[in-house]
Amino acid sequence: MRIAFYGSSLLSSYWNGAATYYRGLLRDLAGRGHRITFYEPDAFDRQQHRDIDPPDWAEVRVYPATPEAMRAVVAEAASADVVVKASGIGVFDDALLEGVVAASRPEAIRIFWDVDAPATLAEMRADPGHALHRAMPMLDLVLTYGGGPPVVAAYEGFGARACVPVYNALDPETHHPVPPDPRFSADLAFLGNRLPDREARVETFFLVAAARLPERSFLIGGNGWESRGLPTNVRHLGHVYTRDHNAFNATPLAVLNIARESMAAVGFSPATRVFEATGAAACLITDAWEGIELFLKPGEEVLVARDGRDVAEHIAALTPERARAIGEAARARILSEHTYARRGLQVDAILRDEAARKAAGTPRRSVA
């Protein structure tokens, strides 16, 4: 099928946490015979911080962040069999959604792909005039990269014909074990941009742990932390390019995952970092959230913490041997059950089922 995908960026992970997700899924779908065109705006300095070249498995169309350019790429939705508008593009989101829905052919599959469902649903609850309310009757599917039963129920309550979680996963060709790199040496490392609904949790889980263990070394990567006061045993790296993620994850004694507040509240929302880290056989410590056991077994494949004190206790008790055992067990679990090949198979089946349903004019059945 010809897929027109309107998203934040495929070429850059700069202020764009969905990049790994898009790359893993779309690359697999291309391998299954789908022809993908990815439309991304030249915005937020992402094109100046590209971390991959345009791939051979998708055509990438970078367009100027102007209304005229946006309307031009919207018109191209008319030639696609599947039209996807992703959340969180950051420029012209409402106009893109309404535009691609209107431009697509009646027989095309229209999808809203939500990469931050808690935020989108909160906006919809607060704003009866939200563009997604207006577009919902014309959408065939809502796909989300997390959220589980609470998000499915919420979207169905807003009138979605079907809502299906397609979780983050691992691409073992891009995220895998590598030798340690002295640049990333630490007892605990955390990678994430400084965002309003993440900062308090970084304080709780990471900075409190650092303060409790002044003799241990801590490493934080991501944008925005350079203006934040940090304990003396915390080293800040700034933006860490995707090409360095394997070394960042494979080098420290342990790696910390901290969900944003909205994701943690909903649960069932493992971040891409979870799979990147476990793919590199890192010993992962994560904040507690509902549904973690669907992906990793606490105590054996991941260490779970309720606060910074728990994180500090995990680090204080963790030996290199146990860290290695946890990391290897996690990698085996993820390789067995949570790769983008599995997610791609899921999405391919959803698209083929939906195409057959539309062609036959038959009522919808569950695609979960």
Foldseek 3Di string as FASTA:
>chain_A
DEEEAEAQDCFFCAVNLCNVVCVQQQLLLLVVPYAYEYEHECDPCRVVHGQDDPDPSYHYHYFYLDPVRLLVSLLVLQPGQEYEQEPDNPGCSLVSLVSNLVNHDLLHAYEYEYAPQLVVLVVVVVDVPDSCLVCQVSHQEYEYQWQPPVSQVSVVVSPHLGYYYLHAAADLVQAAADDADVVQEFQEEEEDADDPQQVVQCCWAPQLLCVVCVVGAYEYEEPDCVPPDGPPRYHYDYHDRSNCLLNNLNHHLAYEDEDGPSDQVSFGHDGNNLNSNLRNLFAYEYEDHPPPVVQADDPQQHDYDPTNVSNNVCSVPDDSVSRNRNSVVNNVRRVVPGGSNVSNVLVVQVSVVSSVCSVVVHRDDHSD
